[in-house]
Amino acid sequence: MVYSNERAKSNQAHLRRWPVYIAPFDDELLSSWLIRVSFDHFTAPLILTSYLWGNWRAWTFDLDRELSVARLNKLSACSGISVSQLQRMSLRSTIEKISRTNLIQQSMWPWVVARHTRNRNTYRYQPFCPKCLKSDSEPYFRRTWRCNYPVK
């Protein structure tokens, strides 16, 4: 499914619709869905994102906060998921409703458990509910788990 075309690294014309359609769950994080998609296509998440976005080091950023429209367009073209649905999988819509403010991409967001890599320091804490994951027919990470407030 996902094979990098070395000759086309700078040319993303090789992007095609994926053979397997993986629907995201209603409250699923974008990063969780990308990992499920990569596993269902028998590849690693890093290879999947390299196929989509070339040399951009996607997993060193917090993909769940927000992706650029250009990156969302490529993801939409390959996955068959609309850009608006992909945007709803990000934390921006949830946090803007809670905080009632417009968020700035480069700043800390209120109510969000931070996740990023800076130099050699990596902050990759992903809160989760073990009972929820165990009871899921297909385990996935929820958007509310990234929020820094008690949830049930």
C-alpha atoms as a PDB file:
ATOM      1  CA  MET A   1       0.000   0.000   0.000  1.00  0.00           C
ATOM      2  CA  VAL A   2       2.435   2.642   1.124  1.00  0.00           C
ATOM      3  CA  TYR A   3       5.721   2.559  -0.703  1.00  0.00           C
ATOM      4  CA  SER A   4       7.881   5.638  -0.930  1.00  0.00           C
ATOM      5  CA  ASN A   5       8.867   6.425  -4.474  1.00  0.00           C
ATOM      6  CA  GLU A   6      12.445   7.649  -4.064  1.00  0.00           C
ATOM      7  CA  ARG A   7      12.367   9.422  -7.440  1.00  0.00           C
ATOM      8  CA  ALA A   8       9.238  11.318  -6.477  1.00  0.00           C
ATOM      9  CA  LYS A   9      10.279  12.661  -3.069  1.00  0.00           C
ATOM     10  CA  SER A  10       9.813  16.260  -4.152  1.00  0.00           C
ATOM     11  CA  ASN A  11       6.857  15.365  -6.382  1.00  0.00           C
ATOM     12  CA  GLN A  12       3.818  14.198  -4.451  1.00  0.00           C
ATOM     13  CA  ALA A  13       2.002  13.195  -7.663  1.00  0.00           C
ATOM     14  CA  HIS A  14       2.380   9.563  -6.594  1.00  0.00           C
ATOM     15  CA  LEU A  15      -0.251   9.972  -3.865  1.00  0.00           C
ATOM     16  CA  ARG A  16      -3.187   7.668  -4.524  1.00  0.00           C
ATOM     17  CA  ARG A  17      -6.329   6.635  -2.677  1.00  0.00           C
ATOM     18  CA  TRP A  18      -5.537   3.941  -0.120  1.00  0.00           C
ATOM     19  CA  PRO A  19      -6.943   0.495  -0.867  1.00  0.00           C
ATOM     20  CA  VAL A  20      -8.513   0.089   2.593  1.00  0.00           C
ATOM     21  CA  TYR A  21     -10.953   2.683   3.931  1.00  0.00           C
ATOM     22  CA  ILE A  22     -10.560   3.123   7.695  1.00  0.00           C
ATOM     23  CA  ALA A  23     -13.347   5.201   9.211  1.00  0.00           C
ATOM     24  CA  PRO A  24     -12.379   7.259  12.242  1.00  0.00           C
ATOM     25  CA  PHE A  25     -14.402   6.900  15.414  1.00  0.00           C
ATOM     26  CA  ASP A  26     -16.488   9.938  16.426  1.00  0.00           C
ATOM     27  CA  ASP A  27     -14.189  11.070  19.247  1.00  0.00           C
ATOM     28  CA  GLU A  28     -10.887   9.678  17.916  1.00  0.00           C
ATOM     29  CA  LEU A  29      -7.647  11.646  17.918  1.00  0.00           C
ATOM     30  CA  LEU A  30      -6.027  12.211  14.530  1.00  0.00           C
ATOM     31  CA  SER A  31      -2.781  10.553  15.645  1.00  0.00           C
ATOM     32  CA  SER A  32      -4.681   7.491  16.878  1.00  0.00           C
ATOM     33  CA  TRP A  33      -6.473   7.177  13.551  1.00  0.00           C
ATOM     34  CA  LEU A  34      -3.211   7.565  11.578  1.00  0.00           C
ATOM     35  CA  ILE A  35      -1.660   4.757  13.606  1.00  0.00           C
ATOM     36  CA  ARG A  36      -4.672   2.499  13.024  1.00  0.00           C
ATOM     37  CA  VAL A  37      -4.568   3.302   9.295  1.00  0.00           C
ATOM     38  CA  SER A  38      -0.865   2.478   9.072  1.00  0.00           C
ATOM     39  CA  PHE A  39      -1.283  -0.845  10.881  1.00  0.00           C
ATOM     40  CA  ASP A  40      -4.277  -1.807   8.737  1.00  0.00           C
ATOM     41  CA  HIS A  41      -2.082  -1.178   5.680  1.00  0.00           C
ATOM     42  CA  PHE A  42       0.776  -3.238   7.167  1.00  0.00           C
ATOM     43  CA  THR A  43       3.211  -0.365   7.481  1.00  0.00           C
ATOM     44  CA  ALA A  44       4.721   1.778  10.217  1.00  0.00           C
ATOM     45  CA  PRO A  45       3.208   5.166  11.121  1.00  0.00           C
ATOM     46  CA  LEU A  46       6.491   6.885  10.179  1.00  0.00           C
ATOM     47  CA  ILE A  47       6.414   5.369   6.685  1.00  0.00           C
ATOM     48  CA  LEU A  48       2.774   6.357   6.214  1.00  0.00           C
ATOM     49  CA  THR A  49       3.427   9.993   7.156  1.00  0.00           C
ATOM     50  CA  SER A  50       6.597  10.083   5.024  1.00  0.00           C
ATOM     51  CA  TYR A  51       4.534   8.863   2.079  1.00  0.00           C
ATOM     52  CA  LEU A  52       2.001  11.628   2.688  1.00  0.00           C
ATOM     53  CA  TRP A  53       4.196  14.553   3.624  1.00  0.00           C
ATOM     54  CA  GLY A  54       7.721  13.736   2.453  1.00  0.00           C
ATOM     55  CA  ASN A  55      10.564  14.815   4.720  1.00  0.00           C
ATOM     56  CA  TRP A  56       8.343  16.667   7.198  1.00  0.00           C
ATOM     57  CA  ARG A  57       8.949  14.955  10.533  1.00  0.00           C
ATOM     58  CA  ALA A  58       5.305  14.590  11.519  1.00  0.00           C
ATOM     59  CA  TRP A  59       5.825  12.583  14.705  1.00  0.00           C
ATOM     60  CA  THR A  60       8.046  15.257  16.278  1.00  0.00           C
ATOM     61  CA  PHE A  61       5.021  17.574  16.336  1.00  0.00           C
ATOM     62  CA  ASP A  62       1.718  17.332  18.123  1.00  0.00           C
ATOM     63  CA  LEU A  63      -0.413  16.151  15.202  1.00  0.00           C
ATOM     64  CA  ASP A  64      -3.541  16.294  17.320  1.00  0.00           C
ATOM     65  CA  ARG A  65      -3.458  20.052  17.775  1.00  0.00           C
ATOM     66  CA  GLU A  66      -3.899  20.983  14.138  1.00  0.00           C
ATOM     67  CA  LEU A  67      -2.546  20.266  10.654  1.00  0.00           C
ATOM     68  CA  SER A  68      -2.116  22.769   7.835  1.00  0.00           C
ATOM     69  CA  VAL A  69      -4.734  22.807   5.082  1.00  0.00           C
ATOM     70  CA  ALA A  70      -2.148  21.563   2.554  1.00  0.00           C
ATOM     71  CA  ARG A  71      -1.358  18.526   4.718  1.00  0.00           C
ATOM     72  CA  LEU A  72      -5.040  17.893   5.371  1.00  0.00           C
ATOM     73  CA  ASN A  73      -5.740  18.002   1.622  1.00  0.00           C
ATOM     74  CA  LYS A  74      -3.135  15.299   0.952  1.00  0.00           C
ATOM     75  CA  LEU A  75      -4.461  13.193   3.805  1.00  0.00           C
ATOM     76  CA  SER A  76      -8.021  13.614   2.552  1.00  0.00           C
ATOM     77  CA  ALA A  77      -7.060  12.630  -1.009  1.00  0.00           C
ATOM     78  CA  CYS A  78      -5.458   9.384   0.180  1.00  0.00           C
ATOM     79  CA  SER A  79      -7.915   8.424   2.902  1.00  0.00           C
ATOM     80  CA  GLY A  80     -11.268   9.403   1.424  1.00  0.00           C
ATOM     81  CA  ILE A  81     -12.068  11.300   4.638  1.00  0.00           C
ATOM     82  CA  SER A  82     -13.239  14.895   4.137  1.00  0.00           C
ATOM     83  CA  VAL A  83     -11.025  17.773   5.272  1.00  0.00           C
ATOM     84  CA  SER A  84     -13.772  18.979   7.615  1.00  0.00           C
ATOM     85  CA  GLN A  85     -13.973  15.562   9.287  1.00  0.00           C
ATOM     86  CA  LEU A  86     -10.174  15.472   9.638  1.00  0.00           C
ATOM     87  CA  GLN A  87     -10.271  18.937  11.220  1.00  0.00           C
ATOM     88  CA  ARG A  88     -12.877  17.736  13.728  1.00  0.00           C
ATOM     89  CA  MET A  89     -10.408  15.041  14.797  1.00  0.00           C
ATOM     90  CA  SER A  90      -7.977  17.730  15.957  1.00  0.00           C
ATOM     91  CA  LEU A  91      -7.993  19.268  19.411  1.00  0.00           C
ATOM     92  CA  ARG A  92      -8.606  22.805  18.140  1.00  0.00           C
ATOM     93  CA  SER A  93     -12.382  22.495  17.816  1.00  0.00           C
ATOM     94  CA  THR A  94     -12.764  20.880  21.237  1.00  0.00           C
ATOM     95  CA  ILE A  95     -10.483  23.335  23.057  1.00  0.00           C
ATOM     96  CA  GLU A  96     -11.960  26.433  21.405  1.00  0.00           C
ATOM     97  CA  LYS A  97     -15.404  25.369  22.638  1.00  0.00           C
ATOM     98  CA  ILE A  98     -14.108  24.853  26.168  1.00  0.00           C
ATOM     99  CA  SER A  99     -11.913  27.950  26.412  1.00  0.00           C
ATOM    100  CA  ARG A 100     -14.176  30.225  24.328  1.00  0.00           C
ATOM    101  CA  THR A 101     -11.132  31.777  22.689  1.00  0.00           C
ATOM    102  CA  ASN A 102      -9.258  31.654  19.393  1.00  0.00           C
ATOM    103  CA  LEU A 103      -6.131  29.560  19.791  1.00  0.00           C
ATOM    104  CA  ILE A 104      -2.689  30.496  18.485  1.00  0.00           C
ATOM    105  CA  GLN A 105      -0.852  27.530  16.949  1.00  0.00           C
ATOM    106  CA  GLN A 106       2.593  28.440  18.347  1.00  0.00           C
ATOM    107  CA  SER A 107       1.492  28.942  21.955  1.00  0.00           C
ATOM    108  CA  MET A 108       0.503  26.663  24.806  1.00  0.00           C
ATOM    109  CA  TRP A 109      -3.186  25.831  24.728  1.00  0.00           C
ATOM    110  CA  PRO A 110      -5.263  25.792  27.893  1.00  0.00           C
ATOM    111  CA  TRP A 111      -6.757  22.457  28.924  1.00  0.00           C
ATOM    112  CA  VAL A 112      -4.398  20.403  26.716  1.00  0.00           C
ATOM    113  CA  VAL A 113      -1.841  17.845  27.865  1.00  0.00           C
ATOM    114  CA  ALA A 114       1.240  18.967  25.911  1.00  0.00           C
ATOM    115  CA  ARG A 115       3.036  16.572  23.585  1.00  0.00           C
ATOM    116  CA  HIS A 116       6.097  17.585  21.593  1.00  0.00           C
ATOM    117  CA  THR A 117       9.795  17.092  20.945  1.00  0.00           C
ATOM    118  CA  ARG A 118      12.296  19.901  21.402  1.00  0.00           C
ATOM    119  CA  ASN A 119      16.005  19.188  20.899  1.00  0.00           C
ATOM    120  CA  ARG A 120      16.576  16.021  22.935  1.00  0.00           C
ATOM    121  CA  ASN A 121      13.628  16.456  25.270  1.00  0.00           C
ATOM    122  CA  THR A 122      10.508  14.524  24.384  1.00  0.00           C
ATOM    123  CA  TYR A 123       7.169  15.045  26.059  1.00  0.00           C
ATOM    124  CA  ARG A 124       4.908  12.227  24.912  1.00  0.00           C
ATOM    125  CA  TYR A 125       2.456  11.585  27.708  1.00  0.00           C
ATOM    126  CA  GLN A 126      -0.839  10.202  26.390  1.00  0.00           C
ATOM    127  CA  PRO A 127      -3.505   9.884  29.071  1.00  0.00           C
ATOM    128  CA  PHE A 128      -5.888   6.979  28.554  1.00  0.00           C
ATOM    129  CA  CYS A 129      -8.532   4.857  30.223  1.00  0.00           C
ATOM    130  CA  PRO A 130      -7.375   1.217  30.475  1.00  0.00           C
ATOM    131  CA  LYS A 131     -10.936  -0.048  30.986  1.00  0.00           C
ATOM    132  CA  CYS A 132     -12.118   1.782  27.869  1.00  0.00           C
ATOM    133  CA  LEU A 133      -9.292   0.381  25.741  1.00  0.00           C
ATOM    134  CA  LYS A 134      -9.922  -3.113  27.061  1.00  0.00           C
ATOM    135  CA  SER A 135     -13.646  -2.932  26.312  1.00  0.00           C
ATOM    136  CA  ASP A 136     -13.185  -1.476  22.794  1.00  0.00           C
ATOM    137  CA  SER A 137     -13.683  -3.903  19.922  1.00  0.00           C
ATOM    138  CA  GLU A 138     -10.939  -1.871  18.234  1.00  0.00           C
ATOM    139  CA  PRO A 139      -8.898   0.223  20.704  1.00  0.00           C
ATOM    140  CA  TYR A 140      -8.351   3.907  19.923  1.00  0.00           C
ATOM    141  CA  PHE A 141      -7.417   7.117  21.761  1.00  0.00           C
ATOM    142  CA  ARG A 142     -10.124   9.701  22.454  1.00  0.00           C
ATOM    143  CA  ARG A 143      -9.836  13.484  22.110  1.00  0.00           C
ATOM    144  CA  THR A 144     -11.123  14.017  25.642  1.00  0.00           C
ATOM    145  CA  TRP A 145      -8.171  12.062  27.021  1.00  0.00           C
ATOM    146  CA  ARG A 146      -5.834  14.828  25.849  1.00  0.00           C
ATOM    147  CA  CYS A 147      -7.785  17.404  27.842  1.00  0.00           C
ATOM    148  CA  ASN A 148      -6.333  18.443  31.153  1.00  0.00           C
ATOM    149  CA  TYR A 149      -9.528  18.199  33.183  1.00  0.00           C
ATOM    150  CA  PRO A 150     -11.281  15.277  34.839  1.00  0.00           C
ATOM    151  CA  VAL A 151     -13.468  13.245  32.507  1.00  0.00           C
ATOM    152  CA  LYS A 152     -15.544  10.190  33.190  1.00  0.00           C
END
